[in-house]
Each structure stands twice: as C-alpha cells, then as structure tokens.
Amino acid sequence: MSTWAIVPVKPFSEGKSRLRSCFNNEELLEINKNCFIRTLKKLQDNAEIDEILVISRSKAVLDIARNMNAKGLLEEEPFSLNNGLTQALAHLEEKNCSRVIIIPTDLPRLEGRDIDALLDRPSSWQGIALVPDHFQTGTNAVLLSKINSFVPQFGLNSFQKHARQAFKLCGNLDVLLIENIQHDLDTYADLEMLDKKILNQLK
C-alpha cells in the first residue's frame, strides 16, 4: 500500500488569470512555474508520500515533472480541473493506494509541516479530510483513504460540496484548518496577505 499525491496543473501561461492586472504575462508565467516546482519539492521532501502524479494538458509541465522524478499524466479533453482530477483518480485505482492527497500549486506558504499535519491520521483511519481556503468556501487540499467513489467538485462552494459528499460516502469527515494551506494565491487580496519575501522568491 502506498500514499500518492495528485497535483493538477494548468499550462503556465494560463494559470492565475485573475492576477493579470498585477503582473505582466512573463511574470505570471514565472510565478506559476515556480509555484509548481516549489510544491513538487515540498511533496518530495515528505517521507510519507511514495509517489507524485502530475496531471496536466501541458507537455512542458509534464516534462518538468518527469525531470523531477514525478509521474506525469497527460490530461484528456474536455479540459477542466474536475475532469483532470477524475482522470488522475481513475489512473490510480490500479496502484493499490492506501491514501491519496490532492493538492494545488498555488499555496505559496506551504511547508513540510503542513503536509505532515494533513497526513497525520492513524493507520486505521478511513475517511475524507478537507482543508478549506481562508474563506471556508473553497477546498485547498483533500486527503482520501479510498478513491474509487470520490467525485472532485472544485469550484464555487466546493468545500460545502465535498463535505456533503464525505458524509454520504463514508460518514467520516475531518476538517483541518491548516493556515498555510488555507492561504492560496488567487486574487489581489491574497497577494496583500502574502509576505513580500515569499512573493519575491516566486518571481
């Protein structure tokens, strides 16, 4: 049995479109790329994660993933975050996973201890754990003990949707308020809350 991490990634030129008023295209591309690389490194440093699967329709993204010893899966149409994650989960059904985490790349404050906190469940644990965003409406990370029935529902009010699904599927939901995972990078307000040193490291 093994623990896998799924990392969904848009093409670097397309991610974080709501920040285009704050950065030019080249700056935003570099931020997206560096966020991705930083996330992979944090996941690889965690001893409990056996494999990382990057799902993307960008061959450039998948080339970087494979060069960093992560697995790459080319996303198939129709392209969307939820469809891509559904494809990734289906791909892992044959891998005999004991746990799967889904984590995005737009968590600029993510540290190893945050991943430890997400994975810190007893070996007998069965259920779904969610980390909401700081508004507690979106979902910033998911931990699954079983993957064959989970349907990704990212988007508007995804935290509530995923919570309802958890109770329906297994009756066991852990809500984890992990501050660094709750802080994503979507809007100008998110930038304002981010330490400038961290932002400068991503440029």
Protein backbone atom coordinates (compact mmCIF):
# COMPACT_ATOMS: atom_id res chain seq x y z
CA MET A 1 0.00 0.00 0.00
CA SER A 2 1.22 3.48 -0.78
CA THR A 3 0.47 7.17 -0.43
CA TRP A 4 0.22 9.22 -3.61
CA ALA A 5 -0.11 12.95 -4.17
CA ILE A 6 -2.06 14.29 -7.15
CA VAL A 7 -1.02 17.71 -8.40
CA PRO A 8 -3.25 19.29 -11.09
CA VAL A 9 -1.50 21.95 -13.19
CA LYS A 10 -2.70 24.27 -15.95
CA PRO A 11 -0.28 25.43 -18.67
CA PHE A 12 1.95 28.02 -17.02
CA SER A 13 0.72 30.73 -19.40
CA GLU A 14 -2.91 30.22 -18.31
CA GLY A 15 -2.83 29.88 -14.54
CA LYS A 16 -3.85 32.63 -12.08
CA SER A 17 -5.72 34.65 -14.70
CA ARG A 18 -7.27 36.88 -12.01
CA LEU A 19 -3.80 38.25 -11.24
CA ARG A 20 -3.16 39.58 -14.74
CA SER A 21 -3.84 43.12 -13.54
CA CYS A 22 -0.95 42.74 -11.07
CA PHE A 23 1.71 41.12 -13.28
CA ASN A 24 2.66 41.03 -16.94
CA ASN A 25 2.42 37.74 -18.84
CA GLU A 26 6.08 36.79 -18.36
CA GLU A 27 5.98 37.50 -14.62
CA LEU A 28 2.82 35.46 -14.18
CA LEU A 29 4.24 32.56 -16.17
CA GLU A 30 7.33 32.52 -13.92
CA ILE A 31 5.20 32.68 -10.77
CA ASN A 32 3.08 29.75 -11.96
CA LYS A 33 6.16 27.73 -12.90
CA ASN A 34 8.00 28.46 -9.65
CA CYS A 35 4.91 27.68 -7.55
CA PHE A 36 4.69 24.32 -9.29
CA ILE A 37 8.36 23.47 -8.75
CA ARG A 38 8.22 24.60 -5.13
CA THR A 39 5.14 22.42 -4.48
CA LEU A 40 6.80 19.35 -6.01
CA LYS A 41 9.88 19.84 -3.84
CA LYS A 42 7.81 20.15 -0.65
CA LEU A 43 5.92 16.96 -1.50
CA GLN A 44 9.09 15.07 -2.40
CA ASP A 45 10.66 16.01 0.92
CA ASN A 46 7.84 14.25 2.78
CA ALA A 47 8.80 10.71 3.76
CA GLU A 48 5.17 9.53 3.87
CA ILE A 49 4.48 10.32 0.20
CA ASP A 50 5.60 7.47 -2.03
CA GLU A 51 4.72 8.88 -5.45
CA ILE A 52 3.56 12.13 -7.02
CA LEU A 53 1.28 12.21 -10.05
CA VAL A 54 1.09 15.45 -12.03
CA ILE A 55 -1.96 15.78 -14.28
CA SER A 56 -1.76 18.44 -16.99
CA ARG A 57 -2.52 19.08 -20.66
CA SER A 58 0.80 20.91 -20.95
CA LYS A 59 3.72 18.80 -22.14
CA ALA A 60 6.10 21.45 -20.75
CA VAL A 61 4.59 20.92 -17.28
CA LEU A 62 4.86 17.14 -17.60
CA ASP A 63 8.46 17.36 -18.81
CA ILE A 64 9.42 19.28 -15.66
CA ALA A 65 7.50 16.79 -13.51
CA ARG A 66 9.31 13.82 -15.02
CA ASN A 67 12.68 15.54 -14.79
CA MET A 68 11.96 15.94 -11.07
CA ASN A 69 11.12 12.22 -10.78
CA ALA A 70 7.36 12.71 -10.51
CA LYS A 71 4.90 10.77 -12.64
CA GLY A 72 3.14 12.63 -15.45
CA LEU A 73 -0.32 12.05 -16.89
CA LEU A 74 -1.45 13.90 -20.00
CA GLU A 75 -4.93 15.28 -19.42
CA GLU A 76 -7.57 14.38 -21.99
CA GLU A 77 -10.48 16.51 -23.20
CA PRO A 78 -12.76 18.01 -22.05
CA PHE A 79 -10.26 20.09 -20.09
CA SER A 80 -11.22 21.22 -16.60
CA LEU A 81 -9.86 20.86 -13.09
CA ASN A 82 -12.53 18.37 -12.07
CA ASN A 83 -12.24 16.28 -15.23
CA GLY A 84 -8.47 16.20 -14.91
CA LEU A 85 -8.64 15.06 -11.30
CA THR A 86 -11.21 12.42 -12.21
CA GLN A 87 -8.76 11.08 -14.81
CA ALA A 88 -5.93 11.09 -12.27
CA LEU A 89 -8.01 9.25 -9.68
CA ALA A 90 -9.04 6.65 -12.26
CA HIS A 91 -5.37 6.20 -13.19
CA LEU A 92 -4.51 5.50 -9.54
CA GLU A 93 -7.25 2.94 -8.96
CA GLU A 94 -4.84 0.25 -10.19
CA LYS A 95 -1.96 1.41 -7.96
CA ASN A 96 -3.23 -0.10 -4.69
CA CYS A 97 -3.09 3.24 -2.89
CA SER A 98 -3.76 3.41 0.82
CA ARG A 99 -4.12 7.20 0.76
CA VAL A 100 -4.26 9.95 -1.86
CA ILE A 101 -3.84 13.66 -1.32
CA ILE A 102 -4.96 16.25 -3.86
CA ILE A 103 -3.04 19.49 -3.55
CA PRO A 104 -2.83 22.53 -5.87
CA THR A 105 0.30 24.51 -6.72
CA ASP A 106 -0.97 27.95 -5.67
CA LEU A 107 -0.10 27.61 -1.97
CA PRO A 108 2.91 29.93 -1.63
CA ARG A 109 3.23 29.44 2.14
CA LEU A 110 3.14 25.62 2.01
CA GLU A 111 5.77 23.99 4.22
CA GLY A 112 6.65 20.41 5.07
CA ARG A 113 4.98 20.62 8.47
CA ASP A 114 1.69 21.49 6.75
CA ILE A 115 1.83 18.31 4.67
CA ASP A 116 2.69 16.40 7.85
CA ALA A 117 -0.43 17.84 9.53
CA LEU A 118 -2.59 16.81 6.58
CA LEU A 119 -1.26 13.25 6.59
CA ASP A 120 -1.28 12.85 10.38
CA ARG A 121 -4.02 10.24 10.62
CA PRO A 122 -3.95 6.84 12.36
CA SER A 123 -3.11 3.84 10.17
CA SER A 124 -6.66 2.59 10.69
CA TRP A 125 -8.21 5.90 9.58
CA GLN A 126 -10.89 5.68 6.91
CA GLY A 127 -12.50 8.83 5.61
CA ILE A 128 -12.00 12.14 3.86
CA ALA A 129 -10.06 15.11 5.21
CA LEU A 130 -10.51 18.59 3.77
CA VAL A 131 -8.57 21.81 4.16
CA PRO A 132 -10.77 24.77 3.17
CA ASP A 133 -9.49 28.10 1.92
CA HIS A 134 -9.37 31.01 4.37
CA PHE A 135 -12.97 31.92 3.48
CA GLN A 136 -14.01 28.30 4.17
CA THR A 137 -15.92 28.12 0.90
CA GLY A 138 -13.27 26.64 -1.41
CA THR A 139 -11.20 23.47 -0.99
CA ASN A 140 -7.41 23.78 -0.89
CA ALA A 141 -6.44 20.18 -0.12
CA VAL A 142 -8.08 16.76 0.09
CA LEU A 143 -6.95 13.53 1.72
CA LEU A 144 -8.73 10.31 0.74
CA SER A 145 -8.47 6.84 2.22
CA LYS A 146 -10.45 5.42 -0.72
CA ILE A 147 -10.53 6.90 -4.19
CA ASN A 148 -12.97 4.85 -6.22
CA SER A 149 -16.10 6.79 -5.23
CA PHE A 150 -14.85 10.35 -4.74
CA VAL A 151 -16.04 12.88 -7.31
CA PRO A 152 -14.00 16.12 -7.49
CA GLN A 153 -16.27 19.16 -7.18
CA PHE A 154 -13.83 22.06 -7.18
CA GLY A 155 -15.22 25.48 -7.97
CA LEU A 156 -17.86 27.63 -6.31
CA ASN A 157 -18.65 26.41 -2.76
CA SER A 158 -16.52 23.31 -3.26
CA PHE A 159 -15.81 22.91 0.45
CA GLN A 160 -19.51 22.51 1.23
CA LYS A 161 -19.97 20.15 -1.73
CA HIS A 162 -17.00 18.00 -0.74
CA ALA A 163 -18.12 17.95 2.90
CA ARG A 164 -21.60 16.71 1.96
CA GLN A 165 -20.03 14.08 -0.29
CA ALA A 166 -17.76 12.89 2.53
CA PHE A 167 -20.69 12.27 4.86
CA LYS A 168 -22.58 10.49 2.09
CA LEU A 169 -19.67 8.26 1.06
CA CYS A 170 -18.16 7.29 4.39
CA GLY A 171 -19.72 9.30 7.20
CA ASN A 172 -16.29 10.43 8.34
CA LEU A 173 -15.07 13.96 7.61
CA ASP A 174 -12.03 15.65 9.13
CA VAL A 175 -11.87 19.42 8.62
CA LEU A 176 -8.31 20.67 9.04
CA LEU A 177 -7.66 24.39 9.45
CA ILE A 178 -4.02 24.45 8.35
CA GLU A 179 -3.24 28.13 7.92
CA ASN A 180 -0.53 27.86 5.26
CA ILE A 181 -2.66 25.56 3.11
CA GLN A 182 -5.68 27.80 3.57
CA HIS A 183 -3.77 30.72 2.04
CA ASP A 184 -3.95 30.31 -1.74
CA LEU A 185 -2.95 32.78 -4.41
CA ASP A 186 -5.96 33.79 -6.48
CA THR A 187 -6.69 37.48 -6.05
CA TYR A 188 -5.10 40.82 -5.21
CA ALA A 189 -6.36 40.40 -1.64
CA ASP A 190 -4.37 37.14 -1.41
CA LEU A 191 -1.26 38.99 -2.58
CA GLU A 192 -1.76 41.65 0.08
CA MET A 193 -1.75 38.99 2.80
CA LEU A 194 1.42 37.35 1.46
CA ASP A 195 4.85 38.09 2.87
CA LYS A 196 6.77 40.04 0.21
CA LYS A 197 9.83 37.83 0.72
CA ILE A 198 7.82 34.78 -0.31
CA LEU A 199 6.40 36.55 -3.36
CA ASN A 200 9.86 37.69 -4.46
CA GLN A 201 11.08 34.09 -4.30
CA LEU A 202 8.36 33.09 -6.75
CA LYS A 203 9.13 35.75 -9.37
